[in-house]
Amino acid sequence: MKVLTAILIMTFSIFLLAENVTVVLDWYPNTNHTGIFVAKDLGFYDEEGLSVKVIQPSKLTSEQIVASGRAEFGISYQEAVTLARGEGLPIISICAIIQHNTSGFAWLKSEGIRSVKDWEGKKYGSWGSPIEKATIEYIMRKYGADPEKVIFVNVGQMDFFSGTLNDVFDFAWIYYGWDGVASKIKGIEIGYLSLKDLDPVFDYYTPVIITSERMIKEKPDIVRRFMKATYKGYMYAIDHPEEAARILLKYAPELDEKIVIESQKYLSKEYKADSPKWGYQKKEVWERYAKWLHSMGFLKKMIDVEKAFTNEFLP
């Protein structure tokens, strides 16, 4: 009885002393975020004395929310972190969720597109980003195509299938781990060109987990504990994709179950890929893309990339 009482007191004490931590996503919950929900659901954060709340951004971006201290951690991507650093926002990437860029350009196979050259005269479904437009123009010039012949249609966040099947646009930028997987489940044949295969400069980290310089300076132990639990969450998702997918569905039941499970199977091989460990980031990847952004005029001056990311908190 005394032993049981002692255990209960100790457990209750740990609960009382748990640090409240907020994680802000970049978008609605999806398979990019599974490891976080796994760590939350299986008690990995509890083991580290952390009470983790996951929120979605509203008017502000995840970068702005983390920089302002309204959330301790956030989901971002290398492009946004680089631009934020260029604007003086004190955020740092502490791990790469996916080791290689799994996004690219897709279209219905019936569209007859076979190469970048075939984008000429086609409607591109854009979300309106200047960097998006610059990326397409850069790729088209590289492959001898005329970017002036692409018709940019600003469609915001319109679904790829709604846009292509209803002839709103002919091709778009997608994440293969979601829309590519979904095309197979829906029985819709698509053509696809991977960004990283079109040019190595676009093999950047997307998404990443960020924190603030202030957190690293003032509460490094919390950063370390958070990453220890998150690492376990993603390793579980790598080893047990179907079980991890079902955990994500508990927190986001509105998602299509079949797509989530197949997407999780796909990403389980992409999270770590050829890296020595999950989450690891290379200086050359950060430097290569920052130089491109600078050369295209999106960075007024080159940032110190070694201040934009760290591997220090990976277990």
Protein backbone atom coordinates (compact mmCIF):
# COMPACT_ATOMS: atom_id res chain seq x y z
CA MET A 1 0.00 0.00 0.00
CA LYS A 2 2.81 2.39 0.90
CA VAL A 3 4.57 1.64 -2.38
CA LEU A 4 1.37 2.25 -4.36
CA THR A 5 0.78 5.51 -2.50
CA ALA A 6 4.34 6.65 -3.22
CA ILE A 7 3.91 5.86 -6.93
CA LEU A 8 0.62 7.77 -7.06
CA ILE A 9 2.17 10.78 -5.32
CA MET A 10 5.15 10.73 -7.64
CA THR A 11 2.91 10.44 -10.73
CA PHE A 12 0.68 13.26 -9.49
CA SER A 13 3.74 15.42 -8.78
CA ILE A 14 5.09 14.88 -12.29
CA PHE A 15 1.67 15.84 -13.68
CA LEU A 16 1.65 19.03 -11.63
CA LEU A 17 5.16 19.92 -12.71
CA ALA A 18 4.54 19.23 -16.42
CA GLU A 19 5.65 22.10 -18.65
CA ASN A 20 2.93 23.45 -20.94
CA VAL A 21 4.15 23.51 -24.53
CA THR A 22 2.31 24.69 -27.65
CA VAL A 23 3.05 23.46 -31.17
CA VAL A 24 1.55 25.43 -34.07
CA LEU A 25 1.07 23.57 -37.33
CA ASP A 26 1.62 25.04 -40.78
CA TRP A 27 -1.75 23.81 -42.05
CA TYR A 28 -4.46 21.35 -41.07
CA PRO A 29 -3.25 18.07 -39.48
CA ASN A 30 -1.84 15.64 -42.04
CA THR A 31 0.78 12.90 -42.36
CA ASN A 32 3.64 15.40 -42.20
CA HIS A 33 2.65 15.86 -38.55
CA THR A 34 1.97 12.26 -37.55
CA GLY A 35 5.01 11.86 -35.29
CA ILE A 36 3.83 14.73 -33.09
CA PHE A 37 0.38 13.20 -32.61
CA VAL A 38 1.95 9.79 -31.98
CA ALA A 39 4.22 11.27 -29.30
CA LYS A 40 1.22 12.95 -27.72
CA ASP A 41 -1.04 9.90 -27.90
CA LEU A 42 1.47 7.29 -26.72
CA GLY A 43 2.66 9.40 -23.79
CA PHE A 44 6.16 10.19 -25.07
CA TYR A 45 5.72 13.86 -24.17
CA ASP A 46 4.32 12.89 -20.77
CA GLU A 47 7.46 10.84 -20.13
CA GLU A 48 9.48 14.02 -20.69
CA GLY A 49 7.29 16.08 -18.34
CA LEU A 50 5.65 18.02 -21.18
CA SER A 51 1.98 18.81 -21.67
CA VAL A 52 1.73 19.48 -25.41
CA LYS A 53 -1.07 21.40 -27.09
CA VAL A 54 -1.28 21.35 -30.90
CA ILE A 55 -2.92 24.31 -32.64
CA GLN A 56 -3.41 25.55 -36.20
CA PRO A 57 -2.36 29.02 -37.40
CA SER A 58 -5.03 31.66 -37.93
CA LYS A 59 -4.14 35.14 -39.16
CA LEU A 60 -0.43 34.84 -38.36
CA THR A 61 1.98 32.29 -39.83
CA SER A 62 3.63 29.62 -37.70
CA GLU A 63 6.93 31.52 -38.09
CA GLN A 64 5.40 34.70 -36.68
CA ILE A 65 3.66 32.85 -33.86
CA VAL A 66 6.85 31.07 -32.75
CA ALA A 67 9.00 34.21 -33.10
CA SER A 68 6.52 36.14 -30.93
CA GLY A 69 6.60 33.50 -28.19
CA ARG A 70 2.92 32.54 -28.54
CA ALA A 71 4.02 28.98 -29.31
CA GLU A 72 7.22 27.24 -28.28
CA PHE A 73 7.45 25.13 -31.45
CA GLY A 74 6.02 25.18 -34.94
CA ILE A 75 5.94 23.48 -38.31
CA SER A 76 7.54 25.42 -41.13
CA TYR A 77 9.73 24.76 -44.16
CA GLN A 78 13.19 25.81 -45.27
CA GLU A 79 12.03 28.54 -47.65
CA ALA A 80 9.95 30.27 -44.96
CA VAL A 81 12.68 29.97 -42.31
CA THR A 82 15.28 31.41 -44.70
CA LEU A 83 13.07 34.38 -45.62
CA ALA A 84 12.13 34.92 -41.97
CA ARG A 85 15.81 35.00 -40.98
CA GLY A 86 16.39 37.50 -43.76
CA GLU A 87 13.73 39.71 -42.19
CA GLY A 88 15.24 39.38 -38.72
CA LEU A 89 12.77 36.90 -37.20
CA PRO A 90 14.72 34.88 -34.58
CA ILE A 91 13.51 31.38 -35.49
CA ILE A 92 15.61 28.25 -35.94
CA SER A 93 14.92 24.90 -37.59
CA ILE A 94 15.66 22.11 -35.13
CA CYS A 95 14.93 19.14 -37.39
CA ALA A 96 13.87 18.14 -40.89
CA ILE A 97 10.65 16.14 -40.76
CA ILE A 98 11.23 14.75 -44.26
CA GLN A 99 14.76 14.29 -45.55
CA HIS A 100 14.13 15.18 -49.21
CA ASN A 101 11.64 17.44 -50.97
CA THR A 102 8.69 15.20 -51.91
CA SER A 103 6.83 17.89 -53.85
CA GLY A 104 6.66 18.48 -57.56
CA PHE A 105 4.42 19.33 -60.51
CA ALA A 106 1.47 17.17 -61.53
CA TRP A 107 -1.23 17.02 -64.18
CA LEU A 108 -3.82 14.60 -65.49
CA LYS A 109 -2.15 12.07 -67.77
CA SER A 110 -4.81 12.79 -70.38
CA GLU A 111 -3.43 16.35 -70.61
CA GLY A 112 -0.66 15.08 -72.88
CA ILE A 113 2.19 16.75 -70.95
CA ARG A 114 5.41 14.78 -71.26
CA SER A 115 8.06 17.32 -70.27
CA VAL A 116 8.62 20.86 -68.94
CA LYS A 117 8.49 22.11 -72.53
CA ASP A 118 4.87 20.95 -72.68
CA TRP A 119 3.91 23.42 -69.95
CA GLU A 120 3.87 26.08 -72.65
CA GLY A 121 0.28 27.12 -73.40
CA LYS A 122 -1.04 25.39 -70.26
CA LYS A 123 -2.86 26.86 -67.26
CA TYR A 124 -0.96 26.62 -63.99
CA GLY A 125 -2.99 26.57 -60.76
CA SER A 126 -1.11 29.01 -58.52
CA TRP A 127 -1.51 29.89 -54.86
CA GLY A 128 -0.08 33.32 -55.66
CA SER A 129 3.48 33.16 -54.29
CA PRO A 130 6.20 35.17 -56.08
CA ILE A 131 8.71 32.40 -55.27
CA GLU A 132 6.37 29.84 -56.80
CA LYS A 133 6.30 31.83 -60.05
CA ALA A 134 10.09 32.35 -59.98
CA THR A 135 10.62 28.61 -59.47
CA ILE A 136 8.52 27.69 -62.49
CA GLU A 137 10.19 30.33 -64.66
CA TYR A 138 13.65 29.15 -63.56
CA ILE A 139 12.85 25.51 -64.35
CA MET A 140 11.31 26.32 -67.72
CA ARG A 141 14.32 28.37 -68.80
CA LYS A 142 16.64 25.57 -67.68
CA TYR A 143 14.82 23.10 -69.91
CA GLY A 144 14.54 25.42 -72.90
CA ALA A 145 10.87 26.33 -72.45
CA ASP A 146 9.31 29.80 -72.60
CA PRO A 147 7.80 30.77 -69.21
CA GLU A 148 5.89 33.63 -70.88
CA LYS A 149 3.68 30.98 -72.48
CA VAL A 150 2.34 29.65 -69.16
CA ILE A 151 -1.03 31.02 -68.04
CA PHE A 152 -0.95 31.58 -64.26
CA VAL A 153 -4.38 31.13 -62.66
CA ASN A 154 -4.55 32.18 -59.00
CA VAL A 155 -6.68 29.51 -57.33
CA GLY A 156 -5.51 29.82 -53.72
CA GLN A 157 -5.79 26.47 -51.93
CA MET A 158 -8.08 24.77 -54.46
CA ASP A 159 -7.84 20.99 -54.42
CA PHE A 160 -5.68 19.55 -57.21
CA PHE A 161 -8.36 17.13 -58.39
CA SER A 162 -11.16 19.71 -58.34
CA GLY A 163 -9.00 22.10 -60.34
CA THR A 164 -7.81 19.66 -62.99
CA LEU A 165 -11.02 17.65 -63.42
CA ASN A 166 -13.05 20.87 -63.80
CA ASP A 167 -10.51 22.43 -66.19
CA VAL A 168 -9.74 25.33 -63.85
CA PHE A 169 -6.04 24.62 -64.41
CA ASP A 170 -3.94 22.03 -66.23
CA PHE A 171 -1.07 21.46 -63.81
CA ALA A 172 -0.11 22.40 -60.26
CA TRP A 173 2.50 22.04 -57.53
CA ILE A 174 1.59 19.13 -55.24
CA TYR A 175 3.03 17.06 -52.42
CA TYR A 176 3.28 13.55 -53.81
CA GLY A 177 2.88 12.06 -50.33
CA TRP A 178 -0.71 13.33 -50.32
CA ASP A 179 -2.11 14.11 -53.79
CA GLY A 180 0.14 11.63 -55.58
CA VAL A 181 -0.97 8.87 -53.22
CA ALA A 182 -4.58 10.05 -53.45
CA SER A 183 -4.52 9.82 -57.27
CA LYS A 184 -3.88 6.07 -57.03
CA ILE A 185 -6.68 5.57 -54.52
CA LYS A 186 -9.08 7.61 -56.66
CA GLY A 187 -8.01 5.75 -59.81
CA ILE A 188 -6.95 8.97 -61.56
CA GLU A 189 -3.80 8.71 -63.67
CA ILE A 190 -1.44 11.65 -63.32
CA GLY A 191 1.88 12.75 -64.74
CA TYR A 192 4.46 14.01 -62.27
CA LEU A 193 7.87 15.68 -62.22
CA SER A 194 9.69 15.83 -58.88
CA LEU A 195 11.25 19.18 -57.94
CA LYS A 196 14.41 17.57 -56.60
CA ASP A 197 14.87 15.74 -59.89
CA LEU A 198 14.33 18.90 -61.95
CA ASP A 199 17.17 20.70 -60.13
CA PRO A 200 19.11 19.81 -56.95
CA VAL A 201 18.70 23.38 -55.65
CA PHE A 202 15.05 22.54 -54.95
CA ASP A 203 15.86 19.51 -52.82
CA TYR A 204 15.36 21.56 -49.66
CA TYR A 205 13.81 20.61 -46.33
CA THR A 206 10.03 20.77 -46.27
CA PRO A 207 8.63 20.61 -43.66
CA VAL A 208 10.81 21.35 -40.62
CA ILE A 209 10.19 21.91 -36.91
CA ILE A 210 11.11 25.36 -35.63
CA THR A 211 11.63 27.07 -32.30
CA SER A 212 12.87 30.50 -31.29
CA GLU A 213 16.35 31.69 -30.36
CA ARG A 214 14.87 32.67 -27.00
CA MET A 215 13.73 29.10 -26.28
CA ILE A 216 17.16 27.72 -27.13
CA LYS A 217 18.87 30.31 -24.94
CA GLU A 218 16.51 30.26 -21.96
CA LYS A 219 14.96 26.77 -22.00
CA PRO A 220 17.29 24.41 -23.88
CA ASP A 221 16.26 21.51 -21.66
CA ILE A 222 12.64 21.81 -22.81
CA VAL A 223 13.78 21.90 -26.44
CA ARG A 224 15.85 18.78 -25.85
CA ARG A 225 13.02 16.95 -24.08
CA PHE A 226 10.53 17.96 -26.76
CA MET A 227 12.80 16.68 -29.50
CA LYS A 228 13.52 13.44 -27.64
CA ALA A 229 9.79 12.65 -27.49
CA THR A 230 9.13 13.88 -31.03
CA TYR A 231 11.98 11.75 -32.35
CA LYS A 232 10.37 8.69 -30.75
CA GLY A 233 7.05 9.65 -32.33
CA TYR A 234 8.47 9.80 -35.84
CA MET A 235 10.52 6.64 -35.38
CA TYR A 236 7.29 4.90 -34.37
CA ALA A 237 5.62 6.25 -37.52
CA ILE A 238 8.55 4.92 -39.59
CA ASP A 239 8.34 1.46 -38.03
CA HIS A 240 4.54 1.23 -37.66
CA PRO A 241 2.94 3.32 -40.46
CA GLU A 242 -0.58 1.85 -40.27
CA GLU A 243 -0.79 2.16 -36.49
CA ALA A 244 0.59 5.70 -36.68
CA ALA A 245 -1.96 6.59 -39.36
CA ARG A 246 -4.80 5.46 -37.10
CA ILE A 247 -3.45 7.62 -34.28
CA LEU A 248 -3.47 10.65 -36.60
CA LEU A 249 -7.07 9.84 -37.58
CA LYS A 250 -8.07 9.98 -33.90
CA TYR A 251 -7.02 13.64 -33.85
CA ALA A 252 -8.18 14.45 -37.40
CA PRO A 253 -11.19 12.19 -38.10
CA GLU A 254 -12.25 14.43 -40.99
CA LEU A 255 -9.38 13.11 -43.13
CA ASP A 256 -9.90 10.31 -45.68
CA GLU A 257 -8.85 7.09 -43.93
CA LYS A 258 -7.57 5.34 -47.06
CA ILE A 259 -5.47 8.32 -48.14
CA VAL A 260 -4.04 8.76 -44.63
CA ILE A 261 -2.97 5.11 -44.37
CA GLU A 262 -1.38 4.99 -47.83
CA SER A 263 0.22 8.41 -47.35
CA GLN A 264 1.69 7.20 -44.07
CA LYS A 265 3.13 4.12 -45.75
CA TYR A 266 4.72 6.35 -48.40
CA LEU A 267 6.16 8.84 -45.90
CA SER A 268 7.43 6.15 -43.55
CA LYS A 269 10.15 5.56 -46.15
CA GLU A 270 10.72 9.29 -46.76
CA TYR A 271 10.99 10.68 -43.21
CA LYS A 272 14.53 9.41 -42.72
CA ALA A 273 15.35 8.19 -46.27
CA ASP A 274 19.14 8.07 -46.73
CA SER A 275 19.98 10.20 -43.68
CA PRO A 276 22.09 8.78 -40.83
CA LYS A 277 19.22 9.66 -38.50
CA TRP A 278 15.73 11.13 -38.64
CA GLY A 279 15.67 14.92 -38.51
CA TYR A 280 19.28 15.53 -39.54
CA GLN A 281 19.97 18.69 -41.59
CA LYS A 282 22.95 19.46 -43.83
CA LYS A 283 24.57 22.86 -44.14
CA GLU A 284 24.98 22.51 -47.90
CA VAL A 285 21.22 22.06 -48.37
CA TRP A 286 20.50 25.27 -46.46
CA GLU A 287 23.29 27.16 -48.21
CA ARG A 288 22.36 26.00 -51.72
CA TYR A 289 18.75 27.15 -51.50
CA ALA A 290 19.57 30.39 -49.66
CA LYS A 291 21.98 31.31 -52.45
CA TRP A 292 19.24 30.67 -55.00
CA LEU A 293 16.77 32.86 -53.11
CA HIS A 294 19.42 35.58 -52.89
CA SER A 295 20.24 35.32 -56.60
CA MET A 296 16.54 35.66 -57.44
CA GLY A 297 16.18 38.77 -55.29
CA PHE A 298 14.09 37.30 -52.49
CA LEU A 299 16.87 37.79 -49.93
CA LYS A 300 18.35 41.29 -49.71
CA LYS A 301 21.56 39.76 -48.40
CA MET A 302 22.76 36.26 -47.68
CA ILE A 303 21.89 34.92 -44.25
CA ASP A 304 24.24 32.98 -42.01
CA VAL A 305 22.72 29.55 -42.61
CA GLU A 306 24.43 28.09 -39.56
CA LYS A 307 22.15 30.30 -37.45
CA ALA A 308 19.07 29.14 -39.35
CA PHE A 309 19.24 25.49 -38.30
CA THR A 310 20.80 23.18 -35.73
CA ASN A 311 21.15 19.43 -35.16
CA GLU A 312 22.07 20.02 -31.52
CA PHE A 313 18.77 18.82 -30.09
CA LEU A 314 18.40 15.59 -32.02
CA PRO A 315 18.73 12.59 -29.65
